[in-house]
Amino acid sequence: MTQLPKDERLHLRVTGEHHDLIEQAATLEGLTLTGFATRHLVDAATRVVEHHRVTQLGREQAEAFLRALEEGEAPQGVDRLTRHFGRTSLPVREEP
């Protein structure tokens, strides 16, 4: 696998206790401190970004969205998606 050039720096200040803990975890996983921090920071950042990209609709919002589709002209590709998935309704999460 080709490695990308690493030309950016990230400086962190942590307590001695946190440093020791992170260093111990890196050693247990057979990684350098930099490798461990990079792996886990990138994983966490990816999860956060993906979480914020997902649009979740409550029941009322989903019903309003479907009404808007039914009353107006459906966006391009909706018919094809409906045929592909075999349904005309959207899954919604229940309100707490």
PDB file of N, CA and C in Angstrom:
ATOM      1  N   MET A   1       0.845  -1.168   0.000  1.00  0.00           N
ATOM      2  CA  MET A   1       0.000   0.000   0.000  1.00  0.00           C
ATOM      3  C   MET A   1       0.894   1.236   0.000  1.00  0.00           C
ATOM      4  N   THR A   2       0.576   2.199  -0.849  1.00  0.00           N
ATOM      5  CA  THR A   2       1.336   3.436  -0.941  1.00  0.00           C
ATOM      6  C   THR A   2       0.978   4.347   0.219  1.00  0.00           C
ATOM      7  N   GLN A   3       1.994   4.877   0.857  1.00  0.00           N
ATOM      8  CA  GLN A   3       1.746   5.798   1.963  1.00  0.00           C
ATOM      9  C   GLN A   3       1.737   7.223   1.450  1.00  0.00           C
ATOM     10  N   LEU A   4       0.760   7.980   1.901  1.00  0.00           N
ATOM     11  CA  LEU A   4       0.676   9.388   1.537  1.00  0.00           C
ATOM     12  C   LEU A   4       1.693  10.184   2.339  1.00  0.00           C
ATOM     13  N   PRO A   5       2.198  11.271   1.764  1.00  0.00           N
ATOM     14  CA  PRO A   5       3.143  12.090   2.526  1.00  0.00           C
ATOM     15  C   PRO A   5       2.449  12.701   3.743  1.00  0.00           C
ATOM     16  N   LYS A   6       3.162  12.728   4.826  1.00  0.00           N
ATOM     17  CA  LYS A   6       2.621  13.282   6.073  1.00  0.00           C
ATOM     18  C   LYS A   6       3.296  14.620   6.316  1.00  0.00           C
ATOM     19  N   ASP A   7       2.641  15.673   5.838  1.00  0.00           N
ATOM     20  CA  ASP A   7       3.262  16.987   5.953  1.00  0.00           C
ATOM     21  C   ASP A   7       2.495  17.934   6.865  1.00  0.00           C
ATOM     22  N   GLU A   8       1.509  17.431   7.570  1.00  0.00           N
ATOM     23  CA  GLU A   8       0.756  18.252   8.522  1.00  0.00           C
ATOM     24  C   GLU A   8       1.079  17.788   9.937  1.00  0.00           C
ATOM     25  N   ARG A   9       1.088  18.730  10.865  1.00  0.00           N
ATOM     26  CA  ARG A   9       1.369  18.399  12.259  1.00  0.00           C
ATOM     27  C   ARG A   9       0.149  18.686  13.101  1.00  0.00           C
ATOM     28  N   LEU A  10      -0.002  17.905  14.159  1.00  0.00           N
ATOM     29  CA  LEU A  10      -1.062  18.103  15.129  1.00  0.00           C
ATOM     30  C   LEU A  10      -0.401  18.039  16.497  1.00  0.00           C
ATOM     31  N   HIS A  11      -0.459  19.124  17.227  1.00  0.00           N
ATOM     32  CA  HIS A  11       0.166  19.183  18.547  1.00  0.00           C
ATOM     33  C   HIS A  11      -0.917  19.060  19.605  1.00  0.00           C
ATOM     34  N   LEU A  12      -0.687  18.194  20.575  1.00  0.00           N
ATOM     35  CA  LEU A  12      -1.644  17.991  21.660  1.00  0.00           C
ATOM     36  C   LEU A  12      -0.957  18.190  22.997  1.00  0.00           C
ATOM     37  N   ARG A  13      -1.677  18.743  23.921  1.00  0.00           N
ATOM     38  CA  ARG A  13      -1.190  18.825  25.300  1.00  0.00           C
ATOM     39  C   ARG A  13      -2.099  17.942  26.135  1.00  0.00           C
ATOM     40  N   VAL A  14      -1.498  16.997  26.828  1.00  0.00           N
ATOM     41  CA  VAL A  14      -2.259  16.082  27.680  1.00  0.00           C
ATOM     42  C   VAL A  14      -1.577  15.986  29.039  1.00  0.00           C
ATOM     43  N   THR A  15      -2.321  15.487  30.003  1.00  0.00           N
ATOM     44  CA  THR A  15      -1.729  15.285  31.326  1.00  0.00           C
ATOM     45  C   THR A  15      -0.732  14.135  31.251  1.00  0.00           C
ATOM     46  N   GLY A  16       0.146  14.070  32.224  1.00  0.00           N
ATOM     47  CA  GLY A  16       1.094  12.962  32.285  1.00  0.00           C
ATOM     48  C   GLY A  16       0.379  11.624  32.375  1.00  0.00           C
ATOM     49  N   GLU A  17      -0.721  11.603  33.122  1.00  0.00           N
ATOM     50  CA  GLU A  17      -1.507  10.372  33.276  1.00  0.00           C
ATOM     51  C   GLU A  17      -2.096   9.930  31.934  1.00  0.00           C
ATOM     52  N   HIS A  18      -2.640  10.880  31.186  1.00  0.00           N
ATOM     53  CA  HIS A  18      -3.199  10.546  29.874  1.00  0.00           C
ATOM     54  C   HIS A  18      -2.103  10.085  28.918  1.00  0.00           C
ATOM     55  N   HIS A  19      -0.958  10.755  28.961  1.00  0.00           N
ATOM     56  CA  HIS A  19       0.158  10.373  28.097  1.00  0.00           C
ATOM     57  C   HIS A  19       0.580   8.937  28.374  1.00  0.00           C
ATOM     58  N   ASP A  20       0.736   8.601  29.652  1.00  0.00           N
ATOM     59  CA  ASP A  20       1.149   7.245  30.015  1.00  0.00           C
ATOM     60  C   ASP A  20       0.123   6.213  29.558  1.00  0.00           C
ATOM     61  N   LEU A  21      -1.153   6.524  29.727  1.00  0.00           N
ATOM     62  CA  LEU A  21      -2.220   5.609  29.329  1.00  0.00           C
ATOM     63  C   LEU A  21      -2.218   5.395  27.815  1.00  0.00           C
ATOM     64  N   ILE A  22      -2.108   6.484  27.065  1.00  0.00           N
ATOM     65  CA  ILE A  22      -2.099   6.390  25.601  1.00  0.00           C
ATOM     66  C   ILE A  22      -0.866   5.634  25.126  1.00  0.00           C
ATOM     67  N   GLU A  23       0.266   5.911  25.745  1.00  0.00           N
ATOM     68  CA  GLU A  23       1.509   5.219  25.385  1.00  0.00           C
ATOM     69  C   GLU A  23       1.401   3.722  25.669  1.00  0.00           C
ATOM     70  N   GLN A  24       0.806   3.364  26.797  1.00  0.00           N
ATOM     71  CA  GLN A  24       0.616   1.954  27.140  1.00  0.00           C
ATOM     72  C   GLN A  24      -0.300   1.280  26.115  1.00  0.00           C
ATOM     73  N   ALA A  25      -1.396   1.941  25.751  1.00  0.00           N
ATOM     74  CA  ALA A  25      -2.326   1.379  24.769  1.00  0.00           C
ATOM     75  C   ALA A  25      -1.641   1.202  23.414  1.00  0.00           C
ATOM     76  N   ALA A  26      -0.839   2.178  23.011  1.00  0.00           N
ATOM     77  CA  ALA A  26      -0.120   2.087  21.739  1.00  0.00           C
ATOM     78  C   ALA A  26       0.827   0.896  21.750  1.00  0.00           C
ATOM     79  N   THR A  27       1.542   0.727  22.842  1.00  0.00           N
ATOM     80  CA  THR A  27       2.471  -0.395  22.974  1.00  0.00           C
ATOM     81  C   THR A  27       1.729  -1.724  22.892  1.00  0.00           C
ATOM     82  N   LEU A  28       0.589  -1.816  23.568  1.00  0.00           N
ATOM     83  CA  LEU A  28      -0.203  -3.050  23.555  1.00  0.00           C
ATOM     84  C   LEU A  28      -0.705  -3.393  22.154  1.00  0.00           C
ATOM     85  N   GLU A  29      -0.935  -2.376  21.337  1.00  0.00           N
ATOM     86  CA  GLU A  29      -1.393  -2.609  19.967  1.00  0.00           C
ATOM     87  C   GLU A  29      -0.236  -2.667  18.971  1.00  0.00           C
ATOM     88  N   GLY A  30       0.988  -2.551  19.470  1.00  0.00           N
ATOM     89  CA  GLY A  30       2.153  -2.638  18.597  1.00  0.00           C
ATOM     90  C   GLY A  30       2.317  -1.434  17.686  1.00  0.00           C
ATOM     91  N   LEU A  31       1.886  -0.275  18.169  1.00  0.00           N
ATOM     92  CA  LEU A  31       1.952   0.947  17.370  1.00  0.00           C
ATOM     93  C   LEU A  31       2.824   1.982  18.060  1.00  0.00           C
ATOM     94  N   THR A  32       3.313   2.912  17.258  1.00  0.00           N
ATOM     95  CA  THR A  32       3.979   4.069  17.845  1.00  0.00           C
ATOM     96  C   THR A  32       2.896   4.957  18.442  1.00  0.00           C
ATOM     97  N   LEU A  33       3.306   5.896  19.253  1.00  0.00           N
ATOM     98  CA  LEU A  33       2.361   6.849  19.827  1.00  0.00           C
ATOM     99  C   LEU A  33       1.653   7.622  18.710  1.00  0.00           C
ATOM    100  N   THR A  34       2.414   8.042  17.707  1.00  0.00           N
ATOM    101  CA  THR A  34       1.832   8.760  16.568  1.00  0.00           C
ATOM    102  C   THR A  34       0.857   7.876  15.797  1.00  0.00           C
ATOM    103  N   GLY A  35       1.252   6.638  15.532  1.00  0.00           N
ATOM    104  CA  GLY A  35       0.384   5.710  14.802  1.00  0.00           C
ATOM    105  C   GLY A  35      -0.910   5.436  15.541  1.00  0.00           C
ATOM    106  N   PHE A  36      -0.805   5.235  16.851  1.00  0.00           N
ATOM    107  CA  PHE A  36      -1.989   4.980  17.674  1.00  0.00           C
ATOM    108  C   PHE A  36      -2.919   6.190  17.671  1.00  0.00           C
ATOM    109  N   ALA A  37      -2.347   7.369  17.926  1.00  0.00           N
ATOM    110  CA  ALA A  37      -3.160   8.584  17.979  1.00  0.00           C
ATOM    111  C   ALA A  37      -3.818   8.850  16.631  1.00  0.00           C
ATOM    112  N   THR A  38      -3.073   8.707  15.555  1.00  0.00           N
ATOM    113  CA  THR A  38      -3.622   8.948  14.224  1.00  0.00           C
ATOM    114  C   THR A  38      -4.759   7.986  13.921  1.00  0.00           C
ATOM    115  N   ARG A  39      -4.538   6.701  14.152  1.00  0.00           N
ATOM    116  CA  ARG A  39      -5.563   5.696  13.861  1.00  0.00           C
ATOM    117  C   ARG A  39      -6.861   6.016  14.600  1.00  0.00           C
ATOM    118  N   HIS A  40      -6.750   6.272  15.890  1.00  0.00           N
ATOM    119  CA  HIS A  40      -7.956   6.462  16.693  1.00  0.00           C
ATOM    120  C   HIS A  40      -8.604   7.832  16.481  1.00  0.00           C
ATOM    121  N   LEU A  41      -7.814   8.844  16.234  1.00  0.00           N
ATOM    122  CA  LEU A  41      -8.395  10.158  15.937  1.00  0.00           C
ATOM    123  C   LEU A  41      -9.119  10.155  14.594  1.00  0.00           C
ATOM    124  N   VAL A  42      -8.524   9.525  13.595  1.00  0.00           N
ATOM    125  CA  VAL A  42      -9.165   9.461  12.279  1.00  0.00           C
ATOM    126  C   VAL A  42     -10.448   8.635  12.353  1.00  0.00           C
ATOM    127  N   ASP A  43     -10.415   7.504  13.075  1.00  0.00           N
ATOM    128  CA  ASP A  43     -11.629   6.690  13.244  1.00  0.00           C
ATOM    129  C   ASP A  43     -12.738   7.500  13.912  1.00  0.00           C
ATOM    130  N   ALA A  44     -12.408   8.192  14.987  1.00  0.00           N
ATOM    131  CA  ALA A  44     -13.407   8.988  15.710  1.00  0.00           C
ATOM    132  C   ALA A  44     -13.922  10.129  14.838  1.00  0.00           C
ATOM    133  N   ALA A  45     -13.036  10.799  14.134  1.00  0.00           N
ATOM    134  CA  ALA A  45     -13.447  11.910  13.271  1.00  0.00           C
ATOM    135  C   ALA A  45     -14.368  11.421  12.154  1.00  0.00           C
ATOM    136  N   THR A  46     -14.063  10.268  11.590  1.00  0.00           N
ATOM    137  CA  THR A  46     -14.902   9.695  10.538  1.00  0.00           C
ATOM    138  C   THR A  46     -16.302   9.409  11.062  1.00  0.00           C
ATOM    139  N   ARG A  47     -16.397   8.820  12.257  1.00  0.00           N
ATOM    140  CA  ARG A  47     -17.716   8.528  12.852  1.00  0.00           C
ATOM    141  C   ARG A  47     -18.511   9.806  13.083  1.00  0.00           C
ATOM    142  N   VAL A  48     -17.872  10.834  13.605  1.00  0.00           N
ATOM    143  CA  VAL A  48     -18.565  12.101  13.880  1.00  0.00           C
ATOM    144  C   VAL A  48     -19.081  12.718  12.583  1.00  0.00           C
ATOM    145  N   VAL A  49     -18.235  12.772  11.563  1.00  0.00           N
ATOM    146  CA  VAL A  49     -18.637  13.371  10.290  1.00  0.00           C
ATOM    147  C   VAL A  49     -19.781  12.573   9.673  1.00  0.00           C
ATOM    148  N   GLU A  50     -19.687  11.246   9.665  1.00  0.00           N
ATOM    149  CA  GLU A  50     -20.751  10.411   9.103  1.00  0.00           C
ATOM    150  C   GLU A  50     -22.051  10.584   9.876  1.00  0.00           C
ATOM    151  N   HIS A  51     -21.961  10.674  11.187  1.00  0.00           N
ATOM    152  CA  HIS A  51     -23.157  10.864  12.009  1.00  0.00           C
ATOM    153  C   HIS A  51     -23.879  12.154  11.623  1.00  0.00           C
ATOM    154  N   HIS A  52     -23.120  13.190  11.354  1.00  0.00           N
ATOM    155  CA  HIS A  52     -23.720  14.478  11.025  1.00  0.00           C
ATOM    156  C   HIS A  52     -24.171  14.576   9.570  1.00  0.00           C
ATOM    157  N   ARG A  53     -23.733  13.656   8.731  1.00  0.00           N
ATOM    158  CA  ARG A  53     -24.178  13.630   7.334  1.00  0.00           C
ATOM    159  C   ARG A  53     -25.534  12.948   7.185  1.00  0.00           C
ATOM    160  N   VAL A  54     -25.858  12.048   8.081  1.00  0.00           N
ATOM    161  CA  VAL A  54     -27.101  11.278   7.995  1.00  0.00           C
ATOM    162  C   VAL A  54     -28.264  12.161   8.400  1.00  0.00           C
ATOM    163  N   THR A  55     -29.288  12.168   7.576  1.00  0.00           N
ATOM    164  CA  THR A  55     -30.490  12.924   7.886  1.00  0.00           C
ATOM    165  C   THR A  55     -31.524  11.960   8.438  1.00  0.00           C
ATOM    166  N   GLN A  56     -31.988  12.233   9.641  1.00  0.00           N
ATOM    167  CA  GLN A  56     -33.014  11.399  10.244  1.00  0.00           C
ATOM    168  C   GLN A  56     -34.291  12.214  10.345  1.00  0.00           C
ATOM    169  N   LEU A  57     -35.373  11.619   9.905  1.00  0.00           N
ATOM    170  CA  LEU A  57     -36.661  12.290   9.963  1.00  0.00           C
ATOM    171  C   LEU A  57     -37.536  11.640  11.021  1.00  0.00           C
ATOM    172  N   GLY A  58     -38.196  12.460  11.809  1.00  0.00           N
ATOM    173  CA  GLY A  58     -39.212  11.955  12.711  1.00  0.00           C
ATOM    174  C   GLY A  58     -40.459  11.631  11.901  1.00  0.00           C
ATOM    175  N   ARG A  59     -41.456  11.021  12.519  1.00  0.00           N
ATOM    176  CA  ARG A  59     -42.672  10.611  11.812  1.00  0.00           C
ATOM    177  C   ARG A  59     -43.337  11.798  11.112  1.00  0.00           C
ATOM    178  N   GLU A  60     -43.542  12.909  11.815  1.00  0.00           N
ATOM    179  CA  GLU A  60     -44.212  14.070  11.208  1.00  0.00           C
ATOM    180  C   GLU A  60     -43.400  14.636  10.044  1.00  0.00           C
ATOM    181  N   GLN A  61     -42.098  14.704  10.205  1.00  0.00           N
ATOM    182  CA  GLN A  61     -41.244  15.227   9.136  1.00  0.00           C
ATOM    183  C   GLN A  61     -41.293  14.320   7.914  1.00  0.00           C
ATOM    184  N   ALA A  62     -41.257  13.007   8.145  1.00  0.00           N
ATOM    185  CA  ALA A  62     -41.292  12.052   7.035  1.00  0.00           C
ATOM    186  C   ALA A  62     -42.623  12.141   6.299  1.00  0.00           C
ATOM    187  N   GLU A  63     -43.719  12.253   7.049  1.00  0.00           N
ATOM    188  CA  GLU A  63     -45.035  12.364   6.416  1.00  0.00           C
ATOM    189  C   GLU A  63     -45.135  13.650   5.602  1.00  0.00           C
ATOM    190  N   ALA A  64     -44.611  14.752   6.127  1.00  0.00           N
ATOM    191  CA  ALA A  64     -44.620  16.020   5.388  1.00  0.00           C
ATOM    192  C   ALA A  64     -43.782  15.907   4.117  1.00  0.00           C
ATOM    193  N   PHE A  65     -42.660  15.242   4.203  1.00  0.00           N
ATOM    194  CA  PHE A  65     -41.795  15.045   3.041  1.00  0.00           C
ATOM    195  C   PHE A  65     -42.516  14.222   1.978  1.00  0.00           C
ATOM    196  N   LEU A  66     -43.165  13.129   2.400  1.00  0.00           N
ATOM    197  CA  LEU A  66     -43.888  12.284   1.451  1.00  0.00           C
ATOM    198  C   LEU A  66     -45.059  13.034   0.817  1.00  0.00           C
ATOM    199  N   ARG A  67     -45.770  13.843   1.617  1.00  0.00           N
ATOM    200  CA  ARG A  67     -46.868  14.653   1.064  1.00  0.00           C
ATOM    201  C   ARG A  67     -46.341  15.603  -0.009  1.00  0.00           C
ATOM    202  N   ALA A  68     -45.201  16.215   0.274  1.00  0.00           N
ATOM    203  CA  ALA A  68     -44.604  17.142  -0.695  1.00  0.00           C
ATOM    204  C   ALA A  68     -44.258  16.414  -1.991  1.00  0.00           C
ATOM    205  N   LEU A  69     -43.768  15.193  -1.878  1.00  0.00           N
ATOM    206  CA  LEU A  69     -43.455  14.412  -3.077  1.00  0.00           C
ATOM    207  C   LEU A  69     -44.723  14.056  -3.846  1.00  0.00           C
ATOM    208  N   GLU A  70     -45.773  13.681  -3.114  1.00  0.00           N
ATOM    209  CA  GLU A  70     -47.021  13.279  -3.760  1.00  0.00           C
ATOM    210  C   GLU A  70     -47.722  14.459  -4.422  1.00  0.00           C
ATOM    211  N   GLU A  71     -47.642  15.627  -3.818  1.00  0.00           N
ATOM    212  CA  GLU A  71     -48.362  16.797  -4.326  1.00  0.00           C
ATOM    213  C   GLU A  71     -47.617  17.494  -5.460  1.00  0.00           C
ATOM    214  N   GLY A  72     -46.338  17.363  -5.478  1.00  0.00           N
ATOM    215  CA  GLY A  72     -45.540  18.032  -6.506  1.00  0.00           C
ATOM    216  C   GLY A  72     -44.960  17.018  -7.467  1.00  0.00           C
ATOM    217  N   GLU A  73     -44.126  17.513  -8.333  1.00  0.00           N
ATOM    218  CA  GLU A  73     -43.451  16.632  -9.271  1.00  0.00           C
ATOM    219  C   GLU A  73     -42.281  15.979  -8.545  1.00  0.00           C
ATOM    220  N   ALA A  74     -42.217  14.677  -8.633  1.00  0.00           N
ATOM    221  CA  ALA A  74     -41.153  13.947  -7.939  1.00  0.00           C
ATOM    222  C   ALA A  74     -39.801  14.299  -8.551  1.00  0.00           C
ATOM    223  N   PRO A  75     -38.786  14.428  -7.716  1.00  0.00           N
ATOM    224  CA  PRO A  75     -37.440  14.699  -8.234  1.00  0.00           C
ATOM    225  C   PRO A  75     -36.999  13.585  -9.181  1.00  0.00           C
ATOM    226  N   GLN A  76     -36.123  13.924 -10.081  1.00  0.00           N
ATOM    227  CA  GLN A  76     -35.620  12.968 -11.061  1.00  0.00           C
ATOM    228  C   GLN A  76     -35.016  11.758 -10.351  1.00  0.00           C
ATOM    229  N   GLY A  77     -35.383  10.572 -10.785  1.00  0.00           N
ATOM    230  CA  GLY A  77     -34.816   9.350 -10.226  1.00  0.00           C
ATOM    231  C   GLY A  77     -35.658   8.692  -9.158  1.00  0.00           C
ATOM    232  N   VAL A  78     -36.676   9.388  -8.618  1.00  0.00           N
ATOM    233  CA  VAL A  78     -37.485   8.803  -7.550  1.00  0.00           C
ATOM    234  C   VAL A  78     -38.244   7.588  -8.056  1.00  0.00           C
ATOM    235  N   ASP A  79     -38.817   7.665  -9.280  1.00  0.00           N
ATOM    236  CA  ASP A  79     -39.555   6.528  -9.831  1.00  0.00           C
ATOM    237  C   ASP A  79     -38.659   5.300  -9.939  1.00  0.00           C
ATOM    238  N   ARG A  80     -37.445   5.513 -10.396  1.00  0.00           N
ATOM    239  CA  ARG A  80     -36.504   4.400 -10.538  1.00  0.00           C
ATOM    240  C   ARG A  80     -36.164   3.801  -9.173  1.00  0.00           C
ATOM    241  N   LEU A  81     -35.954   4.654  -8.176  1.00  0.00           N
ATOM    242  CA  LEU A  81     -35.657   4.170  -6.826  1.00  0.00           C
ATOM    243  C   LEU A  81     -36.844   3.413  -6.245  1.00  0.00           C
ATOM    244  N   THR A  82     -38.059   3.934  -6.477  1.00  0.00           N
ATOM    245  CA  THR A  82     -39.259   3.269  -5.975  1.00  0.00           C
ATOM    246  C   THR A  82     -39.377   1.878  -6.583  1.00  0.00           C
ATOM    247  N   ARG A  83     -39.157   1.773  -7.884  1.00  0.00           N
ATOM    248  CA  ARG A  83     -39.217   0.454  -8.533  1.00  0.00           C
ATOM    249  C   ARG A  83     -38.136  -0.464  -7.970  1.00  0.00           C
ATOM    250  N   HIS A  84     -36.952   0.070  -7.771  1.00  0.00           N
ATOM    251  CA  HIS A  84     -35.830  -0.738  -7.281  1.00  0.00           C
ATOM    252  C   HIS A  84     -36.106  -1.288  -5.886  1.00  0.00           C
ATOM    253  N   PHE A  85     -36.607  -0.426  -4.994  1.00  0.00           N
ATOM    254  CA  PHE A  85     -36.826  -0.849  -3.615  1.00  0.00           C
ATOM    255  C   PHE A  85     -38.218  -1.421  -3.393  1.00  0.00           C
ATOM    256  N   GLY A  86     -39.109  -1.248  -4.358  1.00  0.00           N
ATOM    257  CA  GLY A  86     -40.431  -1.841  -4.273  1.00  0.00           C
ATOM    258  C   GLY A  86     -41.328  -1.236  -3.212  1.00  0.00           C
ATOM    259  N   ARG A  87     -41.124   0.020  -2.879  1.00  0.00           N
ATOM    260  CA  ARG A  87     -41.995   0.657  -1.887  1.00  0.00           C
ATOM    261  C   ARG A  87     -42.065   2.150  -2.159  1.00  0.00           C
ATOM    262  N   THR A  88     -43.097   2.752  -1.600  1.00  0.00           N
ATOM    263  CA  THR A  88     -43.258   4.193  -1.794  1.00  0.00           C
ATOM    264  C   THR A  88     -43.183   4.942  -0.483  1.00  0.00           C
ATOM    265  N   SER A  89     -42.854   4.251   0.590  1.00  0.00           N
ATOM    266  CA  SER A  89     -42.752   4.930   1.879  1.00  0.00           C
ATOM    267  C   SER A  89     -41.311   4.908   2.355  1.00  0.00           C
ATOM    268  N   LEU A  90     -41.010   5.812   3.250  1.00  0.00           N
ATOM    269  CA  LEU A  90     -39.667   5.912   3.811  1.00  0.00           C
ATOM    270  C   LEU A  90     -39.647   5.338   5.212  1.00  0.00           C
ATOM    271  N   PRO A  91     -38.569   4.646   5.583  1.00  0.00           N
ATOM    272  CA  PRO A  91     -38.458   4.220   6.984  1.00  0.00           C
ATOM    273  C   PRO A  91     -38.241   5.450   7.863  1.00  0.00           C
ATOM    274  N   VAL A  92     -38.877   5.469   9.004  1.00  0.00           N
ATOM    275  CA  VAL A  92     -38.727   6.598   9.924  1.00  0.00           C
ATOM    276  C   VAL A  92     -38.397   6.075  11.305  1.00  0.00           C
ATOM    277  N   ARG A  93     -37.742   6.913  12.081  1.00  0.00           N
ATOM    278  CA  ARG A  93     -37.470   6.535  13.465  1.00  0.00           C
ATOM    279  C   ARG A  93     -38.629   7.031  14.308  1.00  0.00           C
ATOM    280  N   GLU A  94     -38.954   6.289  15.336  1.00  0.00           N
ATOM    281  CA  GLU A  94     -40.031   6.678  16.234  1.00  0.00           C
ATOM    282  C   GLU A  94     -39.546   7.784  17.153  1.00  0.00           C
ATOM    283  N   GLU A  95     -40.409   8.737  17.443  1.00  0.00           N
ATOM    284  CA  GLU A  95     -40.076   9.815  18.368  1.00  0.00           C
ATOM    285  C   GLU A  95     -39.975   9.242  19.778  1.00  0.00           C
ATOM    286  N   PRO A  96     -39.010   9.715  20.584  1.00  0.00           N
ATOM    287  CA  PRO A  96     -38.882   9.194  21.958  1.00  0.00           C
ATOM    288  C   PRO A  96     -40.043   9.614  22.835  1.00  0.00           C
TER     289      PRO A  96
END
